[in-house]
């Protein structure tokens, strides 16, 4: 779904391990790492999208996570001009995201990146909470910073590698 300003409605997912580290995933066939994210479909709420994307991209179900926090509002980033392309009758100029911070309900749960015929990611690693800010593609960096700062207080009770 694209809003009236050309931003694709989307959710961003910061998935924490009970030790406090967070999941950092590499896009399939690229040397680009990011937090999982995905676009909302017509009729879905942000929470519906969260659980659908969590299952599609990571093979993790709703009952395997605890939602710790979500951003109070929507955060937006613009795509570089080289990445802007029409989507149906509308042109997508960027992403408008609601971010969620989740923790796995058990330390033995492991992501499965091969739950669909076209996996989004081909590798993942568990990293310290702030590590992604220095690694994410520059046009996403401000949204990552805003989301991570807002959500960080909810990690205070999660493992030693947290904030």
C-alpha atoms as a PDB file:
ATOM      1  CA  UNK A   1       0.000   0.000   0.000  1.00  0.00           C
ATOM      2  CA  UNK A   2       1.287   3.433  -0.927  1.00  0.00           C
ATOM      3  CA  UNK A   3      -0.042   6.523   0.840  1.00  0.00           C
ATOM      4  CA  UNK A   4      -1.090   9.790  -0.823  1.00  0.00           C
ATOM      5  CA  UNK A   5       2.468  11.157  -0.526  1.00  0.00           C
ATOM      6  CA  UNK A   6       4.025   8.164  -2.299  1.00  0.00           C
ATOM      7  CA  UNK A   7       5.366   6.365   0.788  1.00  0.00           C
ATOM      8  CA  UNK A   8       4.917   2.604   1.030  1.00  0.00           C
ATOM      9  CA  UNK A   9       3.383   1.565   4.361  1.00  0.00           C
ATOM     10  CA  UNK A  10       5.755  -0.806   6.053  1.00  0.00           C
ATOM     11  CA  UNK A  11       6.859  -2.305   9.364  1.00  0.00           C
ATOM     12  CA  UNK A  12      10.424  -2.556  10.657  1.00  0.00           C
ATOM     13  CA  UNK A  13      11.410  -5.335  13.049  1.00  0.00           C
ATOM     14  CA  UNK A  14      14.163  -5.289  15.642  1.00  0.00           C
ATOM     15  CA  UNK A  15      14.302  -8.858  16.935  1.00  0.00           C
ATOM     16  CA  UNK A  16      16.257  -9.322  20.156  1.00  0.00           C
ATOM     17  CA  UNK A  17      17.666 -12.577  21.458  1.00  0.00           C
ATOM     18  CA  UNK A  18      17.164 -13.172  25.208  1.00  0.00           C
ATOM     19  CA  UNK A  19      20.894 -12.413  25.621  1.00  0.00           C
ATOM     20  CA  UNK A  20      20.238  -8.865  24.389  1.00  0.00           C
ATOM     21  CA  UNK A  21      21.815  -9.092  20.940  1.00  0.00           C
ATOM     22  CA  UNK A  22      19.682  -8.238  17.894  1.00  0.00           C
ATOM     23  CA  UNK A  23      19.218  -9.969  14.567  1.00  0.00           C
ATOM     24  CA  UNK A  24      21.023  -8.383  11.617  1.00  0.00           C
ATOM     25  CA  UNK A  25      20.217  -9.952   8.233  1.00  0.00           C
ATOM     26  CA  UNK A  26      21.894  -9.883   4.820  1.00  0.00           C
ATOM     27  CA  UNK A  27      19.676  -9.374   1.781  1.00  0.00           C
ATOM     28  CA  UNK A  28      19.837 -12.362  -0.532  1.00  0.00           C
ATOM     29  CA  UNK A  29      22.466 -12.017  -3.243  1.00  0.00           C
ATOM     30  CA  UNK A  30      23.678  -8.627  -1.979  1.00  0.00           C
ATOM     31  CA  UNK A  31      26.235  -7.316   0.461  1.00  0.00           C
ATOM     32  CA  UNK A  32      23.552  -5.237   2.158  1.00  0.00           C
ATOM     33  CA  UNK A  33      22.525  -5.872   5.764  1.00  0.00           C
ATOM     34  CA  UNK A  34      19.380  -4.633   7.486  1.00  0.00           C
ATOM     35  CA  UNK A  35      16.700  -5.294  10.067  1.00  0.00           C
ATOM     36  CA  UNK A  36      13.769  -7.281   8.668  1.00  0.00           C
ATOM     37  CA  UNK A  37      11.018  -5.097   7.230  1.00  0.00           C
ATOM     38  CA  UNK A  38       8.042  -5.521   4.960  1.00  0.00           C
ATOM     39  CA  UNK A  39       5.172  -3.756   3.269  1.00  0.00           C
ATOM     40  CA  UNK A  40       1.588  -3.751   4.437  1.00  0.00           C
ATOM     41  CA  UNK A  41      -1.024  -5.415   2.254  1.00  0.00           C
ATOM     42  CA  UNK A  42      -4.504  -4.031   1.739  1.00  0.00           C
ATOM     43  CA  UNK A  43      -6.684  -4.756   4.771  1.00  0.00           C
ATOM     44  CA  UNK A  44      -3.753  -5.490   7.083  1.00  0.00           C
ATOM     45  CA  UNK A  45      -2.948  -3.625  10.268  1.00  0.00           C
ATOM     46  CA  UNK A  46       0.675  -2.883  11.123  1.00  0.00           C
ATOM     47  CA  UNK A  47       0.538  -5.708  13.676  1.00  0.00           C
ATOM     48  CA  UNK A  48      -0.832  -8.151  11.061  1.00  0.00           C
ATOM     49  CA  UNK A  49       2.068  -7.207   8.791  1.00  0.00           C
ATOM     50  CA  UNK A  50       4.560  -7.614  11.634  1.00  0.00           C
ATOM     51  CA  UNK A  51       3.582 -11.242  12.234  1.00  0.00           C
ATOM     52  CA  UNK A  52       3.269 -12.106   8.532  1.00  0.00           C
ATOM     53  CA  UNK A  53       6.720 -10.695   7.771  1.00  0.00           C
ATOM     54  CA  UNK A  54       8.242 -12.320  10.852  1.00  0.00           C
ATOM     55  CA  UNK A  55       7.028 -15.695   9.599  1.00  0.00           C
ATOM     56  CA  UNK A  56       7.832 -15.153   5.896  1.00  0.00           C
ATOM     57  CA  UNK A  57      11.315 -13.718   6.389  1.00  0.00           C
ATOM     58  CA  UNK A  58      12.483 -15.499   9.543  1.00  0.00           C
ATOM     59  CA  UNK A  59      10.242 -18.534  10.015  1.00  0.00           C
ATOM     60  CA  UNK A  60       9.253 -17.288  13.469  1.00  0.00           C
ATOM     61  CA  UNK A  61       5.648 -17.372  14.662  1.00  0.00           C
ATOM     62  CA  UNK A  62       3.709 -14.955  16.843  1.00  0.00           C
ATOM     63  CA  UNK A  63       3.847 -17.295  19.844  1.00  0.00           C
ATOM     64  CA  UNK A  64       7.672 -17.376  19.709  1.00  0.00           C
ATOM     65  CA  UNK A  65       8.127 -13.658  20.425  1.00  0.00           C
ATOM     66  CA  UNK A  66       7.155 -11.023  22.950  1.00  0.00           C
ATOM     67  CA  UNK A  67       6.473  -7.484  21.705  1.00  0.00           C
ATOM     68  CA  UNK A  68       8.431  -5.137  23.972  1.00  0.00           C
ATOM     69  CA  UNK A  69       7.611  -1.830  22.284  1.00  0.00           C
ATOM     70  CA  UNK A  70       6.611  -0.054  19.099  1.00  0.00           C
ATOM     71  CA  UNK A  71       7.277   3.435  17.831  1.00  0.00           C
ATOM     72  CA  UNK A  72       4.619   5.960  18.785  1.00  0.00           C
ATOM     73  CA  UNK A  73       4.179   7.055  15.185  1.00  0.00           C
ATOM     74  CA  UNK A  74       5.288   6.405  11.638  1.00  0.00           C
ATOM     75  CA  UNK A  75       8.884   7.090  10.562  1.00  0.00           C
ATOM     76  CA  UNK A  76       9.756   7.863   6.940  1.00  0.00           C
ATOM     77  CA  UNK A  77      12.740   7.688   4.662  1.00  0.00           C
ATOM     78  CA  UNK A  78      13.076   8.646   1.015  1.00  0.00           C
ATOM     79  CA  UNK A  79      14.638   6.333  -1.515  1.00  0.00           C
ATOM     80  CA  UNK A  80      17.542   7.576  -3.629  1.00  0.00           C
ATOM     81  CA  UNK A  81      16.330   8.633  -7.099  1.00  0.00           C
ATOM     82  CA  UNK A  82      18.040   5.614  -8.669  1.00  0.00           C
ATOM     83  CA  UNK A  83      15.747   3.282  -6.665  1.00  0.00           C
ATOM     84  CA  UNK A  84      12.434   5.065  -7.300  1.00  0.00           C
ATOM     85  CA  UNK A  85      10.130   3.122  -9.618  1.00  0.00           C
ATOM     86  CA  UNK A  86       6.383   3.040 -10.198  1.00  0.00           C
ATOM     87  CA  UNK A  87       4.318   0.461  -8.280  1.00  0.00           C
ATOM     88  CA  UNK A  88       1.073   0.035 -10.136  1.00  0.00           C
ATOM     89  CA  UNK A  89      -0.549   3.419 -10.661  1.00  0.00           C
ATOM     90  CA  UNK A  90       1.522   5.120  -7.956  1.00  0.00           C
ATOM     91  CA  UNK A  91       5.217   5.844  -7.656  1.00  0.00           C
ATOM     92  CA  UNK A  92       6.864   4.780  -4.413  1.00  0.00           C
ATOM     93  CA  UNK A  93       9.257   7.505  -3.206  1.00  0.00           C
ATOM     94  CA  UNK A  94      10.142   5.878   0.120  1.00  0.00           C
ATOM     95  CA  UNK A  95       8.974   3.916   3.117  1.00  0.00           C
ATOM     96  CA  UNK A  96       6.656   4.970   5.940  1.00  0.00           C
ATOM     97  CA  UNK A  97       7.352   2.590   8.798  1.00  0.00           C
ATOM     98  CA  UNK A  98       6.020   1.563  12.183  1.00  0.00           C
ATOM     99  CA  UNK A  99       8.876  -0.091  14.105  1.00  0.00           C
ATOM    100  CA  UNK A 100       8.565  -2.947  16.598  1.00  0.00           C
ATOM    101  CA  UNK A 101      11.023  -4.280  19.159  1.00  0.00           C
ATOM    102  CA  UNK A 102      10.521  -7.981  19.886  1.00  0.00           C
ATOM    103  CA  UNK A 103      12.372 -10.548  21.970  1.00  0.00           C
ATOM    104  CA  UNK A 104      12.409 -14.280  21.334  1.00  0.00           C
ATOM    105  CA  UNK A 105      10.428 -16.113  24.002  1.00  0.00           C
ATOM    106  CA  UNK A 106      13.114 -18.818  24.240  1.00  0.00           C
ATOM    107  CA  UNK A 107      16.866 -18.694  23.612  1.00  0.00           C
ATOM    108  CA  UNK A 108      16.714 -21.951  21.623  1.00  0.00           C
ATOM    109  CA  UNK A 109      14.538 -20.487  18.845  1.00  0.00           C
ATOM    110  CA  UNK A 110      16.531 -19.974  15.648  1.00  0.00           C
ATOM    111  CA  UNK A 111      15.442 -18.086  12.521  1.00  0.00           C
ATOM    112  CA  UNK A 112      14.770 -20.111   9.381  1.00  0.00           C
ATOM    113  CA  UNK A 113      15.532 -18.008   6.307  1.00  0.00           C
ATOM    114  CA  UNK A 114      14.164 -20.585   3.838  1.00  0.00           C
ATOM    115  CA  UNK A 115      10.427 -20.558   4.583  1.00  0.00           C
ATOM    116  CA  UNK A 116       9.440 -19.278   1.114  1.00  0.00           C
ATOM    117  CA  UNK A 117      10.479 -19.976  -2.487  1.00  0.00           C
ATOM    118  CA  UNK A 118      12.088 -16.532  -2.652  1.00  0.00           C
ATOM    119  CA  UNK A 119      13.847 -15.832   0.665  1.00  0.00           C
ATOM    120  CA  UNK A 120      14.534 -12.198   1.501  1.00  0.00           C
ATOM    121  CA  UNK A 121      17.760 -12.993   3.366  1.00  0.00           C
ATOM    122  CA  UNK A 122      20.606 -15.469   2.923  1.00  0.00           C
ATOM    123  CA  UNK A 123      22.470 -14.930   6.204  1.00  0.00           C
ATOM    124  CA  UNK A 124      22.018 -13.443   9.635  1.00  0.00           C
ATOM    125  CA  UNK A 125      24.061 -12.691  12.711  1.00  0.00           C
ATOM    126  CA  UNK A 126      23.359 -11.605  16.266  1.00  0.00           C
ATOM    127  CA  UNK A 127      24.968  -8.223  16.974  1.00  0.00           C
ATOM    128  CA  UNK A 128      24.998  -5.608  19.717  1.00  0.00           C
ATOM    129  CA  UNK A 129      22.014  -3.251  19.716  1.00  0.00           C
ATOM    130  CA  UNK A 130      23.779  -0.174  18.319  1.00  0.00           C
ATOM    131  CA  UNK A 131      25.975  -1.980  15.761  1.00  0.00           C
ATOM    132  CA  UNK A 132      23.469  -1.612  12.868  1.00  0.00           C
ATOM    133  CA  UNK A 133      23.611   2.198  12.982  1.00  0.00           C
ATOM    134  CA  UNK A 134      27.148   2.161  11.634  1.00  0.00           C
ATOM    135  CA  UNK A 135      26.408  -0.509   9.035  1.00  0.00           C
ATOM    136  CA  UNK A 136      23.016   0.231   7.493  1.00  0.00           C
ATOM    137  CA  UNK A 137      22.783   1.787   4.043  1.00  0.00           C
ATOM    138  CA  UNK A 138      23.005   5.593   4.481  1.00  0.00           C
ATOM    139  CA  UNK A 139      19.499   6.521   3.265  1.00  0.00           C
ATOM    140  CA  UNK A 140      17.957   4.383   6.052  1.00  0.00           C
ATOM    141  CA  UNK A 141      20.281   5.585   8.813  1.00  0.00           C
ATOM    142  CA  UNK A 142      18.132   8.426  10.223  1.00  0.00           C
ATOM    143  CA  UNK A 143      15.044   6.209  10.526  1.00  0.00           C
ATOM    144  CA  UNK A 144      17.119   3.487  12.185  1.00  0.00           C
ATOM    145  CA  UNK A 145      18.500   6.027  14.640  1.00  0.00           C
ATOM    146  CA  UNK A 146      15.041   7.402  15.480  1.00  0.00           C
ATOM    147  CA  UNK A 147      13.508   3.944  15.928  1.00  0.00           C
ATOM    148  CA  UNK A 148      16.415   2.560  17.948  1.00  0.00           C
ATOM    149  CA  UNK A 149      16.567   5.540  20.299  1.00  0.00           C
ATOM    150  CA  UNK A 150      12.818   5.396  20.901  1.00  0.00           C
ATOM    151  CA  UNK A 151      12.750   1.615  21.448  1.00  0.00           C
ATOM    152  CA  UNK A 152      16.003   1.203  23.421  1.00  0.00           C
ATOM    153  CA  UNK A 153      14.487   1.795  26.890  1.00  0.00           C
ATOM    154  CA  UNK A 154      12.315  -1.321  26.442  1.00  0.00           C
ATOM    155  CA  UNK A 155      15.460  -3.488  26.296  1.00  0.00           C
ATOM    156  CA  UNK A 156      16.562  -2.590  29.818  1.00  0.00           C
ATOM    157  CA  UNK A 157      15.535  -5.980  31.255  1.00  0.00           C
ATOM    158  CA  UNK A 158      16.865  -8.089  28.349  1.00  0.00           C
ATOM    159  CA  UNK A 159      20.325  -9.750  28.569  1.00  0.00           C
ATOM    160  CA  UNK A 160      23.777  -8.270  29.108  1.00  0.00           C
ATOM    161  CA  UNK A 161      24.416  -7.365  25.433  1.00  0.00           C
ATOM    162  CA  UNK A 162      21.534  -4.883  25.344  1.00  0.00           C
ATOM    163  CA  UNK A 163      21.970  -1.146  25.223  1.00  0.00           C
END
